Protein backbone atom coordinates (compact mmCIF):
# COMPACT_ATOMS: atom_id res chain seq x y z
CA MET A 1 -0.78 15.07 -12.42
CA THR A 2 -3.31 12.16 -12.32
CA TYR A 3 -2.64 8.91 -12.72
CA THR A 4 -4.45 5.56 -12.69
CA ALA A 5 -3.04 2.59 -10.45
CA LEU A 6 -3.93 -1.23 -11.03
CA ILE A 7 -3.37 -2.54 -7.45
CA VAL A 8 -2.82 -6.25 -6.97
CA GLY A 9 -3.63 -7.81 -3.86
CA GLY A 10 -6.79 -6.42 -1.57
CA GLY A 11 -5.08 -7.25 1.62
CA ILE A 12 -4.01 -4.26 4.45
CA SER A 13 -1.56 -3.13 2.18
CA GLY A 14 -3.38 -2.91 -1.32
CA THR A 15 -6.56 -1.62 -0.09
CA LEU A 16 -5.27 1.03 1.99
CA SER A 17 -3.46 2.20 -0.86
CA ALA A 18 -6.47 2.31 -2.75
CA ILE A 19 -7.68 4.61 0.21
CA ALA A 20 -4.64 7.05 0.47
CA LEU A 21 -4.70 7.29 -3.46
CA ARG A 22 -7.92 8.44 -3.87
CA LYS A 23 -6.93 11.04 -1.13
CA ALA A 24 -4.33 12.00 -3.24
CA GLY A 25 -6.33 12.62 -6.13
CA ILE A 26 -5.29 9.47 -8.03
CA GLY A 27 -7.80 6.66 -9.21
CA SER A 28 -6.89 2.82 -9.06
CA VAL A 29 -8.82 -0.43 -9.14
CA VAL A 30 -7.90 -3.34 -6.50
CA TYR A 31 -7.06 -6.74 -7.84
CA GLU A 32 -7.46 -9.17 -5.07
CA ALA A 33 -6.31 -13.05 -6.06
CA TYR A 34 -8.64 -14.74 -4.15
CA ASP A 35 -12.54 -15.28 -4.82
CA ARG A 36 -14.06 -13.64 -1.85
CA THR A 37 -13.80 -11.25 0.77
CA ALA A 38 -11.42 -11.66 3.83
CA ASP A 39 -14.23 -11.71 6.30
CA ASN A 40 -13.65 -14.19 9.21
CA VAL A 41 -10.37 -15.22 7.86
CA GLY A 42 -7.18 -14.85 10.06
CA ALA A 43 -6.08 -13.97 13.50
CA PHE A 44 -5.93 -10.80 15.12
CA LEU A 45 -2.55 -8.53 15.13
CA THR A 46 -1.29 -5.23 17.32
CA LEU A 47 -1.22 -1.96 15.92
CA ALA A 48 1.32 -0.25 17.58
CA VAL A 49 1.16 3.70 17.69
CA ASN A 50 3.12 4.17 14.60
CA ALA A 51 0.41 2.36 12.24
CA LEU A 52 -2.59 4.41 14.11
CA ASP A 53 -0.83 7.81 13.49
CA ALA A 54 -0.14 6.64 10.22
CA LEU A 55 -3.86 5.77 9.45
CA ARG A 56 -4.95 8.63 10.86
CA ALA A 57 -3.09 10.35 7.68
CA LEU A 58 -5.85 8.96 5.80
CA ASP A 59 -8.69 9.74 8.66
CA PHE A 60 -9.03 6.59 9.06
CA ASP A 61 -10.04 5.57 12.97
CA VAL A 62 -10.14 2.10 14.27
CA ARG A 63 -10.89 3.27 17.94
CA ASP A 64 -14.20 0.94 17.41
CA LEU A 65 -12.31 -1.88 16.73
CA GLY A 66 -10.55 -3.67 19.06
CA PHE A 67 -9.19 -2.98 22.53
CA GLY A 68 -6.26 -0.87 23.80
CA THR A 69 -3.08 -2.42 24.02
CA PRO A 70 -0.53 -0.30 26.21
CA ARG A 71 1.60 -2.01 27.09
CA MET A 72 3.57 -5.63 27.47
CA THR A 73 5.51 -7.42 30.25
CA ILE A 74 7.64 -10.42 29.44
CA THR A 75 8.06 -13.39 31.57
CA SER A 76 10.47 -16.37 31.63
CA GLY A 77 9.38 -19.68 31.35
CA SER A 78 9.87 -20.31 34.98
CA GLY A 79 7.63 -17.90 36.30
CA ARG A 80 9.86 -14.54 36.58
CA LYS A 81 9.16 -11.18 35.33
CA LEU A 82 11.70 -9.76 32.94
CA GLY A 83 10.30 -6.41 33.05
CA GLU A 84 7.68 -4.69 30.88
CA LEU A 85 7.60 -2.35 27.83
CA PRO A 86 4.89 0.40 26.25
CA PHE A 87 3.92 -0.16 22.58
CA GLY A 88 5.01 3.01 22.12
CA ALA A 89 3.92 6.58 23.87
CA ALA A 90 0.62 7.31 23.65
CA LEU A 91 -0.62 9.69 21.01
CA PRO A 92 -0.86 13.34 22.58
CA ASP A 93 -4.85 12.67 22.31
CA GLY A 94 -4.05 9.42 24.91
CA THR A 95 -4.74 6.95 22.08
CA VAL A 96 -2.61 3.56 22.40
CA SER A 97 -1.66 0.71 20.50
CA ARG A 98 -4.94 -1.51 19.56
CA THR A 99 -5.36 -5.39 19.27
CA ILE A 100 -7.33 -5.83 16.42
CA LYS A 101 -9.19 -8.91 14.74
CA ARG A 102 -7.58 -8.77 11.25
CA ALA A 103 -10.70 -9.79 9.89
CA GLU A 104 -12.43 -6.80 11.24
CA LEU A 105 -9.34 -4.13 10.19
CA TYR A 106 -10.34 -5.97 6.30
CA GLN A 107 -13.53 -5.14 6.49
CA ALA A 108 -13.55 -1.62 7.90
CA LEU A 109 -10.72 -1.06 5.16
CA ARG A 110 -13.06 -2.47 2.53
CA GLU A 111 -15.93 -0.50 3.47
CA ARG A 112 -14.00 2.70 3.68
CA ALA A 113 -12.16 2.24 -0.01
CA VAL A 114 -16.16 1.01 -1.46
CA ARG A 115 -17.20 4.73 0.13
CA CYS A 116 -14.31 6.64 -1.38
CA GLY A 117 -15.42 5.07 -5.03
CA VAL A 118 -12.37 2.18 -5.13
CA HIS A 119 -13.81 -0.84 -7.28
CA ILE A 120 -12.35 -4.20 -6.39
CA GLU A 121 -12.28 -7.27 -8.29
CA TYR A 122 -12.37 -10.65 -6.60
CA GLY A 123 -10.78 -13.58 -8.64
CA LYS A 124 -8.02 -11.91 -10.32
CA ARG A 125 -4.79 -13.48 -10.00
CA LEU A 126 -1.58 -11.96 -11.79
CA VAL A 127 0.26 -13.80 -13.83
CA ASP A 128 2.41 -11.26 -15.73
CA ALA A 129 2.50 -7.80 -16.63
CA GLU A 130 4.67 -5.64 -18.77
CA CYS A 131 5.08 -1.79 -19.44
CA THR A 132 4.02 -0.38 -22.45
CA GLY A 133 5.56 2.96 -22.35
CA ASP A 134 2.84 5.42 -21.38
CA GLY A 135 1.87 2.42 -19.07
CA VAL A 136 1.11 -1.27 -18.09
CA LEU A 137 -0.53 -3.87 -19.08
CA ALA A 138 -2.00 -6.79 -16.13
CA ARG A 139 -2.57 -10.46 -17.08
CA PHE A 140 -4.62 -12.20 -14.95
CA ALA A 141 -5.03 -16.28 -14.63
CA ASP A 142 -8.75 -16.14 -15.61
CA GLY A 143 -7.14 -14.35 -18.94
CA SER A 144 -8.75 -11.37 -18.29
CA THR A 145 -6.16 -8.32 -18.60
CA ALA A 146 -6.15 -4.30 -17.36
CA GLU A 147 -4.51 -1.37 -18.36
CA GLY A 148 -3.62 2.04 -16.42
CA ASP A 149 -0.71 4.25 -15.60
CA LEU A 150 1.09 2.31 -12.80
CA LEU A 151 0.77 -1.20 -10.69
CA ILE A 152 1.33 -1.43 -7.22
CA GLY A 153 2.20 -4.62 -6.18
CA ALA A 154 0.61 -5.42 -2.32
CA ASP A 155 0.57 -8.87 -3.31
CA GLY A 156 2.37 -10.47 0.03
CA LEU A 157 5.19 -13.00 0.60
CA ARG A 158 4.62 -14.81 -2.44
CA SER A 159 4.59 -11.80 -4.63
CA ARG A 160 4.15 -12.28 -8.55
CA THR A 161 5.15 -8.49 -9.01
CA ARG A 162 8.44 -9.11 -7.10
CA GLU A 163 9.52 -11.52 -9.38
CA ILE A 164 8.08 -9.68 -12.69
CA ILE A 165 10.19 -6.64 -11.53
CA ASP A 166 13.61 -8.71 -11.03
CA PRO A 167 13.33 -12.36 -11.43
CA SER A 168 16.41 -12.12 -9.21
CA ALA A 169 14.92 -10.86 -6.53
CA PRO A 170 15.74 -12.89 -2.94
CA ARG A 171 12.88 -15.27 -2.09
CA VAL A 172 11.50 -15.11 1.98
CA ARG A 173 13.24 -16.86 4.63
CA TYR A 174 11.64 -19.32 6.99
CA THR A 175 12.17 -17.98 10.38
CA GLY A 176 12.59 -21.68 12.30
CA LEU A 177 9.20 -20.74 14.05
CA LEU A 178 5.69 -21.53 13.32
CA THR A 179 2.65 -19.52 14.56
CA THR A 180 -0.79 -20.66 15.35
CA GLY A 181 -3.21 -18.80 18.12
CA GLY A 182 -6.55 -18.89 19.35
CA TYR A 183 -9.60 -17.37 21.53
CA ALA A 184 -10.69 -19.04 25.15
CA HIS A 185 -13.33 -18.30 27.54
CA GLY A 186 -13.38 -18.85 31.31
CA VAL A 187 -9.77 -18.26 31.97
CA SER A 188 -9.41 -14.29 32.52
CA ALA A 189 -9.37 -14.63 35.82
CA GLY A 190 -6.69 -12.27 37.48
CA PHE A 191 -5.53 -10.89 34.31
CA GLU A 192 -5.51 -6.98 33.56
CA PRO A 193 -7.26 -6.14 30.11
CA GLY A 194 -5.61 -4.80 27.38
CA VAL A 195 -2.05 -6.24 28.58
CA MET A 196 0.18 -8.19 26.28
CA ASN A 197 1.92 -10.87 28.33
CA ALA A 198 5.05 -12.17 26.57
CA ILE A 199 6.08 -15.20 28.21
CA PHE A 200 9.67 -17.38 27.01
CA GLY A 201 9.09 -20.81 27.36
CA LYS A 202 11.44 -23.44 28.24
CA ARG A 203 9.95 -24.43 24.70
CA CYS A 204 8.06 -22.27 23.20
CA PHE A 205 6.97 -18.64 23.21
CA PHE A 206 3.46 -17.87 24.32
CA ALA A 207 1.37 -14.71 24.06
CA TYR A 208 -1.85 -13.88 25.31
CA THR A 209 -3.91 -10.46 26.42
CA ALA A 210 -7.54 -10.52 28.09
CA HIS A 211 -10.27 -8.88 26.12
CA PRO A 212 -12.15 -6.45 28.27
CA ASN A 213 -15.13 -8.74 27.65
CA GLY A 214 -13.53 -11.74 29.08
CA GLU A 215 -12.14 -13.33 26.26
CA VAL A 216 -8.52 -14.38 26.07
CA TRP A 217 -6.36 -14.08 22.80
CA TRP A 218 -3.37 -15.95 22.23
CA ALA A 219 -0.73 -16.80 20.28
CA ALA A 220 2.44 -19.50 20.00
CA ASN A 221 5.42 -19.54 18.33
CA PRO A 222 6.57 -22.96 18.49
CA ALA A 223 10.54 -24.03 17.26
CA ARG A 224 10.49 -26.24 13.86
CA ALA A 225 14.09 -26.15 12.42
CA VAL A 226 12.70 -27.87 8.97
CA GLU A 227 10.05 -25.66 6.94
CA PRO A 228 6.60 -27.74 7.37
CA THR A 229 5.21 -27.85 3.69
CA PRO A 230 1.61 -26.59 3.35
CA ALA A 231 0.18 -30.18 2.73
CA GLU A 232 1.95 -30.79 6.43
CA LEU A 233 0.44 -27.71 8.22
CA ALA A 234 -2.70 -28.47 6.68
CA ALA A 235 -2.76 -32.11 7.92
CA ILE A 236 -2.39 -30.87 11.59
CA GLY A 237 -6.40 -29.69 13.17
CA PRO A 238 -7.08 -27.90 15.90
CA GLU A 239 -7.09 -30.99 18.50
CA GLU A 240 -3.50 -32.28 17.16
CA TRP A 241 -2.52 -28.42 17.98
CA ARG A 242 -4.09 -28.29 21.44
CA ALA A 243 -2.30 -31.49 22.16
CA TRP A 244 1.59 -30.53 20.93
CA LEU A 245 1.11 -26.87 22.51
CA ILE A 246 0.17 -28.78 26.07
CA ASP A 247 3.07 -30.71 25.61
CA GLN A 248 5.50 -27.37 24.63
CA PHE A 249 4.13 -25.83 27.71
CA ARG A 250 3.91 -28.48 30.39
CA HIS A 251 7.13 -27.66 32.20
CA ASP A 252 6.33 -23.78 32.22
CA ARG A 253 4.89 -21.78 34.99
CA GLY A 254 2.28 -19.43 33.96
CA PRO A 255 -1.63 -19.64 32.55
CA ALA A 256 -0.46 -21.13 28.70
CA LEU A 257 -1.65 -24.30 29.91
CA GLY A 258 -4.98 -23.44 31.15
CA ILE A 259 -5.21 -21.22 28.20
CA VAL A 260 -4.60 -23.61 25.09
CA ALA A 261 -6.77 -26.40 27.23
CA ALA A 262 -10.04 -23.45 27.17
CA SER A 263 -9.75 -22.35 23.86
CA GLU A 264 -12.52 -23.31 21.66
CA THR A 265 -10.91 -21.94 18.29
CA ILE A 266 -7.43 -22.44 17.60
CA PHE A 267 -6.32 -20.93 14.19
CA PRO A 268 -4.50 -23.36 11.77
CA GLY A 269 -0.88 -22.92 12.09
CA TRP A 270 1.30 -21.28 9.50
CA ASN A 271 4.96 -20.87 9.05
CA THR A 272 6.79 -17.45 9.43
CA TYR A 273 9.09 -15.62 7.12
CA ASP A 274 10.65 -12.68 6.40
CA LEU A 275 12.44 -11.38 3.67
CA PRO A 276 15.99 -10.18 3.36
CA ALA A 277 17.04 -6.74 1.57
CA VAL A 278 15.21 -6.23 -1.92
CA PRO A 279 17.65 -4.36 -4.05
CA LYS A 280 14.99 -3.66 -6.94
CA TRP A 281 11.27 -2.38 -5.79
CA HIS A 282 10.28 -0.82 -8.95
CA ASN A 283 10.99 0.01 -12.27
CA ASP A 284 9.42 2.23 -14.40
CA ARG A 285 6.03 1.36 -14.09
CA MET A 286 5.52 -1.07 -11.40
CA ILE A 287 6.14 -0.97 -7.72
CA ILE A 288 5.97 -3.22 -4.53
CA ILE A 289 5.11 -2.49 -1.03
CA GLY A 290 4.25 -4.06 2.32
CA ASP A 291 5.35 -7.71 2.53
CA ALA A 292 6.26 -7.92 -0.96
CA ALA A 293 9.09 -5.71 -0.79
CA HIS A 294 10.24 -5.96 3.25
CA ALA A 295 8.26 -8.56 5.24
CA THR A 296 9.29 -8.95 8.74
CA ALA A 297 8.93 -11.19 10.94
CA PRO A 298 5.87 -10.98 13.69
CA SER A 299 8.38 -10.88 16.50
CA ILE A 300 8.19 -6.93 17.07
CA GLY A 301 4.14 -6.59 15.78
CA GLN A 302 5.19 -4.40 13.04
CA GLY A 303 4.18 -5.86 9.63
CA ALA A 304 0.87 -4.22 9.21
CA ALA A 305 2.61 -0.51 10.70
CA MET A 306 5.07 -0.73 8.03
CA ALA A 307 2.44 -2.02 5.01
CA ILE A 308 0.23 1.15 6.62
CA GLU A 309 3.48 3.56 6.53
CA ASP A 310 4.28 2.10 2.96
CA SER A 311 0.83 3.05 1.74
CA VAL A 312 0.59 6.82 3.01
CA VAL A 313 4.07 7.15 1.73
CA LEU A 314 3.67 6.02 -1.74
CA ALA A 315 0.40 8.03 -2.02
CA LYS A 316 2.39 11.34 -1.08
CA CYS A 317 5.17 10.65 -3.18
CA LEU A 318 2.88 9.93 -6.45
CA ARG A 319 0.85 12.82 -5.28
CA ASP A 320 4.00 15.19 -5.25
CA SER A 321 6.03 13.82 -8.09
CA PRO A 322 6.67 15.32 -11.99
CA ASP A 323 6.31 11.53 -13.17
CA ILE A 324 5.80 8.10 -11.90
CA THR A 325 9.51 7.44 -12.19
CA VAL A 326 10.49 10.53 -9.79
CA GLY A 327 7.69 9.57 -6.96
CA PHE A 328 8.99 5.63 -7.39
CA GLY A 329 12.23 6.79 -6.44
CA GLY A 330 11.10 9.00 -3.76
CA HIS A 331 9.29 6.27 -1.96
CA ALA A 332 12.23 4.44 -2.02
CA ARG A 333 14.67 6.73 -0.23
CA LEU A 334 12.03 7.75 2.01
CA ARG A 335 11.46 4.17 3.20
CA ARG A 336 14.00 1.42 2.98
CA GLU A 337 16.50 2.27 5.53
CA ARG A 338 13.36 2.56 8.11
CA VAL A 339 12.05 -0.93 6.76
CA GLU A 340 15.14 -2.68 6.38
CA ARG A 341 15.99 -2.00 10.18
CA VAL A 342 12.78 -3.07 11.22
CA VAL A 343 13.13 -6.08 9.42
CA GLU A 344 16.63 -6.83 11.17
CA GLN A 345 15.14 -6.22 14.34
CA GLY A 346 11.83 -8.66 14.16
CA LYS A 347 14.67 -10.97 13.16
CA ARG A 348 16.99 -10.53 16.33
CA THR A 349 13.85 -10.65 18.75
CA GLY A 350 12.35 -13.95 16.57
CA ASP A 351 15.95 -15.85 17.12
CA TRP A 352 15.21 -15.12 20.90
CA LYS A 353 12.36 -17.14 20.32
CA ALA A 354 13.70 -20.32 19.06
CA LEU A 355 16.90 -20.64 21.35
CA GLY A 356 17.62 -24.16 22.89
CA PRO A 357 17.91 -24.94 26.51
CA ILE A 358 21.82 -23.45 26.74
CA ALA A 359 21.44 -20.41 25.63
CA ARG A 360 17.79 -19.35 27.08
CA MET A 361 19.37 -18.49 30.68
CA PRO A 362 22.24 -15.93 29.20
CA ARG A 363 18.90 -15.03 27.18
CA ASP A 364 16.84 -14.06 30.09
CA LEU A 365 19.75 -12.67 32.18
CA ILE A 366 20.41 -10.05 29.24
CA MET A 367 16.64 -9.44 28.86
CA ALA A 368 16.04 -8.58 32.54
CA MET A 369 18.97 -6.30 32.40
CA ALA A 370 18.15 -4.32 29.27
CA LEU A 371 14.37 -3.92 30.35
CA LYS A 372 15.61 -2.95 33.85
CA ARG A 373 17.93 -0.55 32.47
CA THR A 374 15.29 0.83 30.35
CA ALA A 375 12.68 1.06 32.67
CA ARG A 376 15.28 3.40 34.99
CA THR A 377 16.82 5.48 32.24
CA GLY A 378 13.14 5.78 30.11
CA ASN A 379 15.25 5.53 27.15
CA ASP A 380 13.38 2.73 25.30
CA PRO A 381 15.74 1.80 22.34
CA SER A 382 12.62 0.76 20.08
CA ARG A 383 11.33 4.55 20.47
CA TRP A 384 12.59 5.08 16.57
CA ILE A 385 10.14 2.61 15.88
CA TYR A 386 7.28 3.95 17.64
CA GLU A 387 7.73 8.15 17.08
CA HIS A 388 7.85 7.83 13.51
CA HIS A 389 5.12 10.46 11.84
CA ILE A 390 4.01 11.00 8.56
CA ASP A 391 2.41 14.74 7.86
CA TRP A 392 0.22 14.23 5.06
CA ASN A 393 0.29 18.11 4.41
CA GLU A 394 4.12 18.07 4.15
CA PRO A 395 5.72 17.75 0.77
CA ALA A 396 7.17 14.41 -0.05
CA LEU A 397 9.81 15.17 -2.09
CA SER A 398 12.29 17.78 -1.74
CA GLY A 399 11.41 20.83 -4.08
CA SER A 400 7.45 20.22 -4.04
């Protein structure tokens, strides 16, 4: 059956859903709340091999973007190397995880969507939607409306679609961490390009990696128990962030101080959140995916990957389903256990970043022992995350 989908949100999951639906023979229109594209917006992210594998199901290749990031080293604030881990085993052709500027990924996805014939409308903020029996009607803040067979809410952490489907749905959960980062020049001497280096500092978590061109990309997670308001965050300028971070890292060994000091670009900071289990992902004609359904803290680098996997699986389920409700139910059955497990893993890792001085010592000891055991046995406890594979040609639903 051929459907027409309204997709709310023009980020990674929304735009990729449009691409996936097009491959499944389903038309869509993307409605983005902002009145402009996401060019030059946002920081960077690492797409692990499970994300790259899911993109390949749609014949989407990102090897021209960013750079390979095959592994991560983990160090304490005292400078002791605790161990290292791969970002998942390489794919059969040798492809490894890649670190990419978020804006470049947005642009590549948008260009692919447009080439596929997807129409994207900007300045369309969803305010309400309702099922109409044989379809769905969406209303936007500018007074316009749109009708289709189904609506996909890819509208992120503050999802309006989630509220419409279930007004009692849980809200996002502040993790106690802020995030900022930047790009530095002239400090890459001695850094191995493409290796992600994670430092569990005495007061703040820090991660950095060297681009092959010599630029250093970095991120930091200062702990803050009380959630700042958007106005409070907006009032913190780049130089105030720089001074605060230098104070955070002044007792640590490692390159954090030099990298922060040498950064021409420091991102405006943001709060980090995750989303506890959302009981209801869909009704008869509306469904939420990506961060709208299961946001994970950035601690394990799987937020974008889960959104990408969602988009591919949902398109397969709608392609193979006798009706929309069956497709939505199949998607939930195939995705819920995995994504909720990833969210919980992200929370555990994020909690380790915010530990106080008394708890840091046993944390570092536990991490070192676990990483040593992983290196000795080759049994990475995160393999289940990275080895997930989606076969586009395999029927999504039993009996299809």
